[in-house]
N, C-alpha and C. Protein backbone atom coordinates (compact mmCIF):
# COMPACT_ATOMS: atom_id res chain seq x y z
N UNK A 1 -13.07 -43.61 -30.19
CA UNK A 1 -13.06 -45.02 -30.42
C UNK A 1 -12.50 -45.74 -29.22
N UNK A 2 -11.48 -45.22 -28.63
CA UNK A 2 -10.85 -45.89 -27.52
C UNK A 2 -11.42 -45.41 -26.20
N UNK A 3 -12.37 -44.58 -26.30
CA UNK A 3 -12.96 -44.02 -25.12
C UNK A 3 -14.44 -44.42 -24.99
N UNK A 4 -17.63 -44.39 -22.59
CA UNK A 4 -18.92 -44.15 -22.36
C UNK A 4 -19.40 -44.55 -21.11
N UNK A 5 -21.78 -44.33 -16.50
CA UNK A 5 -22.86 -45.03 -15.91
C UNK A 5 -23.57 -43.98 -15.30
N UNK A 6 -24.42 -43.54 -14.30
CA UNK A 6 -24.95 -42.24 -14.51
C UNK A 6 -24.14 -41.53 -15.58
N UNK A 7 -24.62 -40.43 -16.06
CA UNK A 7 -23.84 -39.70 -17.05
C UNK A 7 -22.78 -38.92 -16.31
N UNK A 8 -21.54 -39.08 -16.73
CA UNK A 8 -20.41 -38.40 -16.12
C UNK A 8 -19.69 -37.57 -17.17
N UNK A 9 -19.18 -36.41 -16.80
CA UNK A 9 -18.36 -35.67 -17.76
C UNK A 9 -16.99 -36.32 -17.83
N UNK A 10 -16.45 -36.50 -19.00
CA UNK A 10 -15.12 -37.06 -19.19
C UNK A 10 -14.70 -36.72 -20.59
N UNK A 11 -13.69 -35.94 -20.74
CA UNK A 11 -13.30 -35.46 -22.06
C UNK A 11 -12.82 -36.62 -22.93
N UNK A 12 -11.64 -36.58 -23.41
CA UNK A 12 -11.12 -37.66 -24.26
C UNK A 12 -10.34 -38.63 -23.41
N UNK A 13 -10.28 -39.86 -23.87
CA UNK A 13 -9.51 -40.86 -23.15
C UNK A 13 -8.04 -40.51 -23.25
N UNK A 14 -7.29 -40.78 -22.19
CA UNK A 14 -5.86 -40.52 -22.27
C UNK A 14 -5.22 -41.44 -23.31
N UNK A 15 -4.16 -40.97 -23.93
CA UNK A 15 -3.50 -41.80 -24.92
C UNK A 15 -2.82 -42.97 -24.23
N UNK A 16 -2.63 -44.04 -24.97
CA UNK A 16 -1.97 -45.21 -24.42
C UNK A 16 -2.83 -45.93 -23.40
N UNK A 17 -4.01 -46.40 -23.81
CA UNK A 17 -4.93 -47.06 -22.89
C UNK A 17 -4.55 -48.49 -22.56
N UNK A 18 -3.35 -48.92 -22.93
CA UNK A 18 -2.88 -50.24 -22.58
C UNK A 18 -3.43 -51.35 -23.45
N UNK A 19 -3.78 -51.07 -24.70
CA UNK A 19 -4.21 -52.12 -25.59
C UNK A 19 -3.45 -52.01 -26.90
N UNK A 20 -3.42 -53.11 -27.62
CA UNK A 20 -2.74 -53.15 -28.90
C UNK A 20 -3.72 -53.64 -29.96
N UNK A 21 -3.44 -53.31 -31.20
CA UNK A 21 -4.28 -53.74 -32.31
C UNK A 21 -3.60 -54.90 -33.02
N UNK A 22 -4.36 -55.97 -33.24
CA UNK A 22 -3.89 -57.12 -33.99
C UNK A 22 -4.10 -56.81 -35.47
N UNK A 23 -3.02 -56.61 -36.20
CA UNK A 23 -3.13 -56.20 -37.61
C UNK A 23 -3.70 -57.28 -38.52
N UNK A 24 -3.78 -58.52 -38.06
CA UNK A 24 -4.32 -59.57 -38.91
C UNK A 24 -5.84 -59.55 -38.96
N UNK A 25 -6.49 -59.16 -37.86
CA UNK A 25 -7.96 -59.17 -37.84
C UNK A 25 -8.58 -57.88 -37.33
N UNK A 26 -7.77 -56.87 -36.99
CA UNK A 26 -8.28 -55.59 -36.52
C UNK A 26 -8.79 -55.61 -35.10
N UNK A 27 -8.62 -56.73 -34.39
CA UNK A 27 -9.09 -56.84 -33.01
C UNK A 27 -8.18 -56.04 -32.07
N UNK A 28 -8.75 -55.62 -30.97
CA UNK A 28 -8.02 -54.89 -29.95
C UNK A 28 -7.73 -55.84 -28.79
N UNK A 29 -6.45 -56.04 -28.51
CA UNK A 29 -6.05 -56.88 -27.39
C UNK A 29 -5.98 -55.99 -26.16
N UNK A 30 -6.77 -56.33 -25.14
CA UNK A 30 -6.85 -55.53 -23.92
C UNK A 30 -6.42 -56.36 -22.72
N UNK A 31 -6.04 -55.69 -21.64
CA UNK A 31 -5.65 -56.39 -20.42
C UNK A 31 -6.87 -57.05 -19.79
N UNK A 32 -7.95 -56.29 -19.69
CA UNK A 32 -9.23 -56.79 -19.16
C UNK A 32 -10.32 -55.78 -19.51
N UNK A 33 -11.58 -56.23 -19.48
CA UNK A 33 -12.71 -55.34 -19.74
C UNK A 33 -12.73 -54.21 -18.71
N UNK A 34 -12.52 -54.54 -17.45
CA UNK A 34 -12.55 -53.53 -16.39
C UNK A 34 -11.50 -52.45 -16.64
N UNK A 35 -10.27 -52.85 -16.93
CA UNK A 35 -9.22 -51.87 -17.20
C UNK A 35 -9.55 -51.03 -18.43
N UNK A 36 -10.09 -51.67 -19.47
CA UNK A 36 -10.45 -50.95 -20.69
C UNK A 36 -11.51 -49.89 -20.41
N UNK A 37 -12.57 -50.26 -19.69
CA UNK A 37 -13.64 -49.31 -19.39
C UNK A 37 -13.12 -48.16 -18.54
N UNK A 38 -12.36 -48.45 -17.51
CA UNK A 38 -11.84 -47.39 -16.64
C UNK A 38 -10.93 -46.43 -17.41
N UNK A 39 -10.05 -46.97 -18.25
CA UNK A 39 -9.13 -46.12 -19.00
C UNK A 39 -9.82 -45.36 -20.13
N UNK A 40 -10.79 -45.97 -20.76
CA UNK A 40 -11.40 -45.37 -21.95
C UNK A 40 -12.63 -44.53 -21.67
N UNK A 41 -13.38 -44.84 -20.61
CA UNK A 41 -14.64 -44.15 -20.35
C UNK A 41 -14.63 -43.35 -19.06
N UNK A 42 -13.69 -43.62 -18.17
CA UNK A 42 -13.57 -42.86 -16.94
C UNK A 42 -13.81 -43.68 -15.70
N UNK A 43 -13.24 -43.23 -14.61
CA UNK A 43 -13.28 -43.95 -13.34
C UNK A 43 -14.70 -44.14 -12.83
N UNK A 44 -15.61 -43.22 -13.08
CA UNK A 44 -16.97 -43.33 -12.58
C UNK A 44 -17.88 -44.24 -13.37
N UNK A 45 -17.40 -44.78 -14.48
CA UNK A 45 -18.22 -45.65 -15.32
C UNK A 45 -18.01 -47.09 -14.85
N UNK A 46 -19.10 -47.74 -14.47
CA UNK A 46 -19.02 -49.11 -13.96
C UNK A 46 -18.90 -50.11 -15.11
N UNK A 47 -17.97 -51.07 -15.01
CA UNK A 47 -17.80 -52.04 -16.09
C UNK A 47 -19.00 -52.97 -16.29
N UNK A 48 -19.74 -53.30 -15.24
CA UNK A 48 -20.96 -54.11 -15.30
C UNK A 48 -20.75 -55.51 -15.88
N UNK A 49 -19.52 -55.92 -16.05
CA UNK A 49 -19.22 -57.27 -16.54
C UNK A 49 -17.96 -57.74 -15.83
N UNK A 50 -18.02 -58.94 -15.31
CA UNK A 50 -16.85 -59.55 -14.70
C UNK A 50 -16.59 -60.85 -15.44
N UNK A 51 -15.43 -60.96 -16.00
CA UNK A 51 -15.10 -62.16 -16.76
C UNK A 51 -13.76 -61.99 -17.44
N UNK A 52 -13.35 -63.04 -18.11
CA UNK A 52 -12.07 -63.05 -18.78
C UNK A 52 -12.23 -62.58 -20.23
N UNK A 53 -12.21 -61.28 -20.42
CA UNK A 53 -12.36 -60.70 -21.74
C UNK A 53 -11.05 -60.00 -22.09
N UNK A 54 -10.38 -60.48 -23.12
CA UNK A 54 -9.06 -59.95 -23.49
C UNK A 54 -9.02 -59.38 -24.91
N UNK A 55 -10.13 -59.52 -25.66
CA UNK A 55 -10.13 -59.06 -27.05
C UNK A 55 -11.46 -58.37 -27.36
N UNK A 56 -11.37 -57.24 -28.05
CA UNK A 56 -12.55 -56.53 -28.54
C UNK A 56 -12.44 -56.42 -30.06
N UNK A 57 -13.58 -56.57 -30.73
CA UNK A 57 -13.63 -56.55 -32.19
C UNK A 57 -14.44 -55.35 -32.67
N UNK A 58 -13.98 -54.69 -33.73
CA UNK A 58 -14.76 -53.57 -34.25
C UNK A 58 -16.08 -54.05 -34.86
N UNK A 59 -17.12 -53.23 -34.73
CA UNK A 59 -18.39 -53.53 -35.40
C UNK A 59 -18.99 -52.24 -35.90
N UNK A 60 -19.85 -52.36 -36.89
CA UNK A 60 -20.47 -51.19 -37.51
C UNK A 60 -21.72 -50.79 -36.73
N UNK A 61 -21.76 -49.52 -36.36
CA UNK A 61 -22.93 -48.97 -35.69
C UNK A 61 -23.93 -48.50 -36.73
N UNK A 62 -25.22 -48.54 -36.40
CA UNK A 62 -26.22 -48.05 -37.37
C UNK A 62 -26.08 -46.55 -37.56
N UNK A 63 -26.41 -46.10 -38.74
CA UNK A 63 -26.40 -44.67 -39.02
C UNK A 63 -27.59 -44.03 -38.32
N UNK A 64 -27.39 -42.82 -37.85
CA UNK A 64 -28.51 -42.10 -37.24
C UNK A 64 -29.48 -41.67 -38.31
N UNK A 65 -30.73 -41.55 -37.92
CA UNK A 65 -31.77 -41.14 -38.86
C UNK A 65 -31.46 -39.76 -39.41
N UNK A 66 -31.60 -39.55 -40.71
CA UNK A 66 -31.30 -38.24 -41.31
C UNK A 66 -32.09 -37.10 -40.68
N UNK A 67 -33.33 -37.35 -40.29
CA UNK A 67 -34.14 -36.27 -39.72
C UNK A 67 -33.54 -35.74 -38.43
N UNK A 68 -32.82 -36.57 -37.68
CA UNK A 68 -32.22 -36.13 -36.42
C UNK A 68 -30.88 -35.46 -36.64
N UNK A 69 -30.37 -35.48 -37.86
CA UNK A 69 -29.04 -34.97 -38.14
C UNK A 69 -29.11 -33.52 -38.62
N UNK A 70 -29.39 -32.61 -37.71
CA UNK A 70 -29.53 -31.21 -38.09
C UNK A 70 -28.22 -30.61 -38.53
N UNK A 71 -27.11 -31.11 -38.02
CA UNK A 71 -25.79 -30.61 -38.43
C UNK A 71 -25.52 -30.89 -39.88
N UNK A 72 -25.92 -32.08 -40.36
CA UNK A 72 -25.71 -32.42 -41.76
C UNK A 72 -26.55 -31.53 -42.65
N UNK A 73 -27.78 -31.22 -42.21
CA UNK A 73 -28.63 -30.34 -43.00
C UNK A 73 -28.01 -28.96 -43.09
N UNK A 74 -27.49 -28.47 -41.99
CA UNK A 74 -26.83 -27.17 -42.00
C UNK A 74 -25.58 -27.23 -42.86
N UNK A 75 -24.84 -28.36 -42.78
CA UNK A 75 -23.64 -28.52 -43.59
C UNK A 75 -23.96 -28.57 -45.06
N UNK A 76 -25.09 -29.17 -45.42
CA UNK A 76 -25.47 -29.27 -46.82
C UNK A 76 -25.66 -27.87 -47.41
N UNK A 77 -26.18 -26.95 -46.59
CA UNK A 77 -26.41 -25.60 -47.07
C UNK A 77 -25.10 -24.88 -47.36
N UNK A 78 -24.03 -25.29 -46.69
CA UNK A 78 -22.74 -24.64 -46.90
C UNK A 78 -21.79 -25.49 -47.75
N UNK A 79 -22.30 -26.65 -48.21
CA UNK A 79 -21.47 -27.52 -49.04
C UNK A 79 -20.57 -28.45 -48.24
N UNK A 80 -20.85 -28.60 -46.94
CA UNK A 80 -20.02 -29.47 -46.10
C UNK A 80 -20.90 -30.49 -45.40
N UNK A 81 -21.81 -31.12 -46.12
CA UNK A 81 -22.74 -32.08 -45.53
C UNK A 81 -22.02 -33.12 -44.69
N UNK A 82 -22.51 -33.32 -43.49
CA UNK A 82 -21.96 -34.32 -42.59
C UNK A 82 -20.78 -33.82 -41.78
N UNK A 83 -20.00 -32.90 -42.32
CA UNK A 83 -18.80 -32.45 -41.62
C UNK A 83 -19.13 -31.69 -40.35
N UNK A 84 -20.22 -30.94 -40.37
CA UNK A 84 -20.58 -30.15 -39.20
C UNK A 84 -20.88 -31.05 -38.01
N UNK A 85 -21.73 -32.05 -38.22
CA UNK A 85 -22.09 -32.94 -37.12
C UNK A 85 -20.92 -33.80 -36.69
N UNK A 86 -20.25 -34.47 -37.62
CA UNK A 86 -19.16 -35.36 -37.27
C UNK A 86 -18.05 -34.59 -36.58
N UNK A 87 -17.67 -33.45 -37.15
CA UNK A 87 -16.61 -32.65 -36.54
C UNK A 87 -17.02 -32.16 -35.18
N UNK A 88 -18.26 -31.69 -35.04
CA UNK A 88 -18.73 -31.17 -33.78
C UNK A 88 -18.78 -32.22 -32.70
N UNK A 89 -19.41 -33.37 -32.97
CA UNK A 89 -19.51 -34.44 -31.97
C UNK A 89 -18.15 -35.04 -31.64
N UNK A 90 -17.36 -35.31 -32.66
CA UNK A 90 -16.08 -35.98 -32.43
C UNK A 90 -15.03 -35.07 -31.83
N UNK A 91 -15.18 -33.77 -32.05
CA UNK A 91 -14.23 -32.82 -31.50
C UNK A 91 -14.71 -32.22 -30.18
N UNK A 92 -15.92 -32.60 -29.74
CA UNK A 92 -16.49 -32.03 -28.52
C UNK A 92 -15.62 -32.32 -27.30
N UNK A 93 -15.53 -31.36 -26.43
CA UNK A 93 -14.73 -31.49 -25.20
C UNK A 93 -15.59 -31.92 -24.02
N UNK A 94 -16.90 -31.76 -24.11
CA UNK A 94 -17.79 -32.04 -22.99
C UNK A 94 -18.52 -33.37 -23.15
N UNK A 95 -17.77 -34.43 -23.49
CA UNK A 95 -18.39 -35.74 -23.68
C UNK A 95 -18.88 -36.30 -22.35
N UNK A 96 -19.97 -37.02 -22.40
CA UNK A 96 -20.54 -37.68 -21.24
C UNK A 96 -20.33 -39.19 -21.40
N UNK A 97 -20.21 -39.89 -20.31
CA UNK A 97 -19.99 -41.33 -20.36
C UNK A 97 -21.00 -42.03 -19.47
N UNK A 98 -21.42 -43.22 -19.88
CA UNK A 98 -22.35 -44.02 -19.09
C UNK A 98 -22.16 -45.49 -19.41
N UNK A 99 -22.63 -46.32 -18.52
CA UNK A 99 -22.67 -47.76 -18.79
C UNK A 99 -24.06 -48.24 -18.42
N UNK A 100 -24.42 -49.39 -18.98
CA UNK A 100 -25.74 -49.93 -18.71
C UNK A 100 -25.98 -51.18 -19.52
N UNK A 101 -27.26 -51.42 -19.76
CA UNK A 101 -27.69 -52.60 -20.50
C UNK A 101 -28.59 -52.16 -21.64
N UNK A 102 -28.45 -52.80 -22.78
CA UNK A 102 -29.31 -52.51 -23.91
C UNK A 102 -30.69 -53.10 -23.62
N UNK A 103 -31.73 -52.25 -23.67
CA UNK A 103 -33.10 -52.71 -23.43
C UNK A 103 -33.97 -52.58 -24.68
N UNK A 104 -33.41 -51.99 -25.73
CA UNK A 104 -34.12 -51.88 -27.00
C UNK A 104 -33.13 -51.63 -28.12
N UNK A 105 -33.33 -52.28 -29.25
CA UNK A 105 -32.49 -52.08 -30.43
C UNK A 105 -33.40 -51.68 -31.57
N UNK A 106 -33.12 -50.52 -32.15
CA UNK A 106 -33.93 -49.97 -33.21
C UNK A 106 -33.05 -49.75 -34.45
N UNK A 107 -33.63 -49.48 -35.61
CA UNK A 107 -32.81 -49.32 -36.82
C UNK A 107 -31.72 -48.26 -36.71
N UNK A 108 -31.97 -47.16 -35.99
CA UNK A 108 -31.01 -46.07 -35.91
C UNK A 108 -30.58 -45.71 -34.50
N UNK A 109 -30.91 -46.56 -33.51
CA UNK A 109 -30.58 -46.22 -32.13
C UNK A 109 -30.67 -47.44 -31.21
N UNK A 110 -30.21 -47.24 -29.98
CA UNK A 110 -30.37 -48.21 -28.89
C UNK A 110 -31.12 -47.50 -27.78
N UNK A 111 -31.79 -48.25 -26.96
CA UNK A 111 -32.32 -47.72 -25.71
C UNK A 111 -31.51 -48.41 -24.62
N UNK A 112 -30.98 -47.62 -23.70
CA UNK A 112 -30.10 -48.11 -22.65
C UNK A 112 -30.72 -47.85 -21.28
N UNK A 113 -30.66 -48.86 -20.41
CA UNK A 113 -30.99 -48.67 -19.00
C UNK A 113 -29.65 -48.54 -18.30
N UNK A 114 -29.35 -47.34 -17.80
CA UNK A 114 -28.04 -47.09 -17.21
C UNK A 114 -27.94 -47.75 -15.84
N UNK A 115 -26.73 -47.85 -15.36
CA UNK A 115 -26.48 -48.49 -14.06
C UNK A 115 -27.14 -47.74 -12.91
N UNK A 116 -27.52 -46.49 -13.10
CA UNK A 116 -28.21 -45.75 -12.04
C UNK A 116 -29.73 -45.75 -12.23
N UNK A 117 -30.22 -46.54 -13.20
CA UNK A 117 -31.65 -46.68 -13.40
C UNK A 117 -32.28 -45.76 -14.42
N UNK A 118 -31.51 -44.81 -14.96
CA UNK A 118 -32.04 -43.91 -15.98
C UNK A 118 -32.13 -44.59 -17.33
N UNK A 119 -33.04 -44.12 -18.15
CA UNK A 119 -33.22 -44.67 -19.49
C UNK A 119 -32.74 -43.63 -20.51
N UNK A 120 -31.96 -44.07 -21.49
CA UNK A 120 -31.39 -43.16 -22.48
C UNK A 120 -31.59 -43.70 -23.89
N UNK A 121 -31.96 -42.81 -24.79
CA UNK A 121 -32.01 -43.13 -26.21
C UNK A 121 -30.64 -42.74 -26.77
N UNK A 122 -29.96 -43.67 -27.42
CA UNK A 122 -28.62 -43.43 -27.93
C UNK A 122 -28.63 -43.50 -29.45
N UNK A 123 -28.27 -42.39 -30.09
CA UNK A 123 -28.04 -42.38 -31.52
C UNK A 123 -26.54 -42.30 -31.72
N UNK A 124 -26.08 -42.27 -32.97
CA UNK A 124 -24.66 -42.39 -33.23
C UNK A 124 -24.17 -41.32 -34.18
N UNK A 125 -23.04 -40.71 -33.83
CA UNK A 125 -22.39 -39.75 -34.72
C UNK A 125 -21.84 -40.49 -35.92
N UNK A 126 -21.64 -39.76 -37.01
CA UNK A 126 -21.05 -40.37 -38.21
C UNK A 126 -19.67 -40.95 -37.91
N UNK A 127 -18.97 -40.37 -36.96
CA UNK A 127 -17.61 -40.81 -36.62
C UNK A 127 -17.59 -41.89 -35.55
N UNK A 128 -18.75 -42.30 -35.06
CA UNK A 128 -18.81 -43.26 -33.96
C UNK A 128 -18.17 -44.59 -34.31
N UNK A 129 -17.48 -45.14 -33.34
CA UNK A 129 -16.80 -46.42 -33.50
C UNK A 129 -17.32 -47.38 -32.44
N UNK A 130 -17.56 -48.61 -32.84
CA UNK A 130 -18.03 -49.63 -31.91
C UNK A 130 -17.03 -50.76 -31.76
N UNK A 131 -16.89 -51.23 -30.52
CA UNK A 131 -16.07 -52.40 -30.21
C UNK A 131 -16.94 -53.37 -29.43
N UNK A 132 -16.75 -54.67 -29.67
CA UNK A 132 -17.58 -55.68 -29.01
C UNK A 132 -16.76 -56.89 -28.62
N UNK A 133 -17.34 -57.69 -27.75
CA UNK A 133 -16.67 -58.86 -27.19
C UNK A 133 -16.54 -60.03 -28.15
N UNK A 134 -17.22 -59.95 -29.29
CA UNK A 134 -17.13 -61.05 -30.25
C UNK A 134 -17.14 -60.51 -31.67
N UNK A 135 -16.52 -61.23 -32.59
CA UNK A 135 -16.54 -60.78 -33.99
C UNK A 135 -17.96 -60.86 -34.57
N UNK A 136 -18.22 -60.04 -35.58
CA UNK A 136 -19.53 -60.03 -36.27
C UNK A 136 -20.67 -59.77 -35.29
N UNK A 137 -20.43 -58.89 -34.35
CA UNK A 137 -21.39 -58.57 -33.29
C UNK A 137 -22.60 -57.83 -33.83
N UNK A 138 -23.76 -58.18 -33.30
CA UNK A 138 -25.00 -57.44 -33.52
C UNK A 138 -25.58 -57.13 -32.15
N UNK A 139 -25.87 -55.86 -31.86
CA UNK A 139 -26.41 -55.49 -30.56
C UNK A 139 -27.70 -56.25 -30.25
N UNK A 140 -27.86 -56.63 -28.99
CA UNK A 140 -29.04 -57.37 -28.56
C UNK A 140 -29.47 -56.92 -27.18
N UNK A 141 -30.75 -57.05 -26.90
CA UNK A 141 -31.29 -56.72 -25.58
C UNK A 141 -30.56 -57.58 -24.54
N UNK A 142 -30.13 -56.93 -23.46
CA UNK A 142 -29.43 -57.61 -22.38
C UNK A 142 -27.93 -57.43 -22.41
N UNK A 143 -27.37 -56.99 -23.54
CA UNK A 143 -25.93 -56.81 -23.63
C UNK A 143 -25.47 -55.64 -22.76
N UNK A 144 -24.26 -55.77 -22.21
CA UNK A 144 -23.63 -54.70 -21.44
C UNK A 144 -23.06 -53.69 -22.43
N UNK A 145 -23.16 -52.41 -22.09
CA UNK A 145 -22.65 -51.37 -22.99
C UNK A 145 -22.01 -50.24 -22.19
N UNK A 146 -20.92 -49.72 -22.73
CA UNK A 146 -20.30 -48.48 -22.23
C UNK A 146 -20.33 -47.52 -23.41
N UNK A 147 -20.75 -46.29 -23.14
CA UNK A 147 -20.95 -45.31 -24.21
C UNK A 147 -20.37 -43.98 -23.80
N UNK A 148 -19.81 -43.28 -24.78
CA UNK A 148 -19.35 -41.91 -24.58
C UNK A 148 -19.85 -41.09 -25.74
N UNK A 149 -20.33 -39.89 -25.45
CA UNK A 149 -20.82 -39.03 -26.51
C UNK A 149 -21.31 -37.71 -25.98
N UNK A 150 -22.07 -37.03 -26.81
CA UNK A 150 -22.59 -35.71 -26.50
C UNK A 150 -24.04 -35.84 -26.03
N UNK A 151 -24.33 -35.35 -24.83
CA UNK A 151 -25.70 -35.36 -24.31
C UNK A 151 -26.52 -34.37 -25.11
N UNK A 152 -27.64 -34.84 -25.66
CA UNK A 152 -28.53 -33.96 -26.42
C UNK A 152 -29.61 -33.38 -25.52
N UNK A 153 -30.02 -34.14 -24.52
CA UNK A 153 -30.91 -33.67 -23.47
C UNK A 153 -30.77 -34.66 -22.31
N UNK A 154 -31.63 -34.59 -21.31
CA UNK A 154 -31.50 -35.43 -20.11
C UNK A 154 -31.63 -36.92 -20.39
N UNK A 155 -32.28 -37.29 -21.50
CA UNK A 155 -32.51 -38.71 -21.78
C UNK A 155 -32.03 -39.13 -23.17
N UNK A 156 -31.10 -38.38 -23.74
CA UNK A 156 -30.64 -38.69 -25.09
C UNK A 156 -29.16 -38.37 -25.23
N UNK A 157 -28.46 -39.25 -25.93
CA UNK A 157 -27.02 -39.12 -26.12
C UNK A 157 -26.69 -39.46 -27.56
N UNK A 158 -25.80 -38.70 -28.15
CA UNK A 158 -25.30 -39.00 -29.50
C UNK A 158 -23.89 -39.53 -29.32
N UNK A 159 -23.73 -40.85 -29.47
CA UNK A 159 -22.49 -41.54 -29.14
C UNK A 159 -21.40 -41.34 -30.18
N UNK A 160 -20.18 -41.20 -29.68
CA UNK A 160 -18.99 -41.20 -30.52
C UNK A 160 -18.18 -42.48 -30.30
N UNK A 161 -18.41 -43.15 -29.17
CA UNK A 161 -17.71 -44.39 -28.83
C UNK A 161 -18.65 -45.33 -28.12
N UNK A 162 -18.62 -46.59 -28.52
CA UNK A 162 -19.49 -47.62 -27.93
C UNK A 162 -18.69 -48.89 -27.78
N UNK A 163 -18.79 -49.52 -26.61
CA UNK A 163 -18.17 -50.83 -26.39
C UNK A 163 -19.23 -51.73 -25.76
N UNK A 164 -19.37 -52.96 -26.30
CA UNK A 164 -20.42 -53.87 -25.86
C UNK A 164 -19.87 -55.25 -25.49
N UNK A 165 -20.53 -55.88 -24.53
CA UNK A 165 -20.24 -57.25 -24.18
C UNK A 165 -21.51 -58.04 -24.42
N UNK A 166 -21.44 -59.00 -25.34
CA UNK A 166 -22.61 -59.84 -25.64
C UNK A 166 -22.90 -60.73 -24.46
N UNK A 167 -24.20 -60.89 -24.14
CA UNK A 167 -24.58 -61.73 -23.00
C UNK A 167 -25.07 -63.06 -23.43
């Protein structure tokens, strides 16, 4: 949640990323977007936004399509539906991070044009957490995004953390 430009390896974000949670509205008070991205997604991830952004708000990410959730299917066979995928993605040590712009919004995914020109289809783990620059955020084409998750192949990522700046 507190931790996503070409794809870079970056495990978990270090603790104490320099932000606080406002208990009245659940917003995250940050020093700046740039500092947040660097601390949460890694030094190689470009912030792609310059401005006075001091607050991030949680938002709900779409659920991934059940057909793509092979871990849940395997979990269902053992009586642990969903736990296999969520535990695996959220506990993964080899997370990749990227930043870019949303170029497509679909019911269960985003299409991202990364800062290095690559195109990525991004789905979301059950444990994925989203933060955005405004309350009641809905992803839109053109928004800046930083993502961290598990690379499924060269052009696909299953996100565990997403942060967006509405344009």
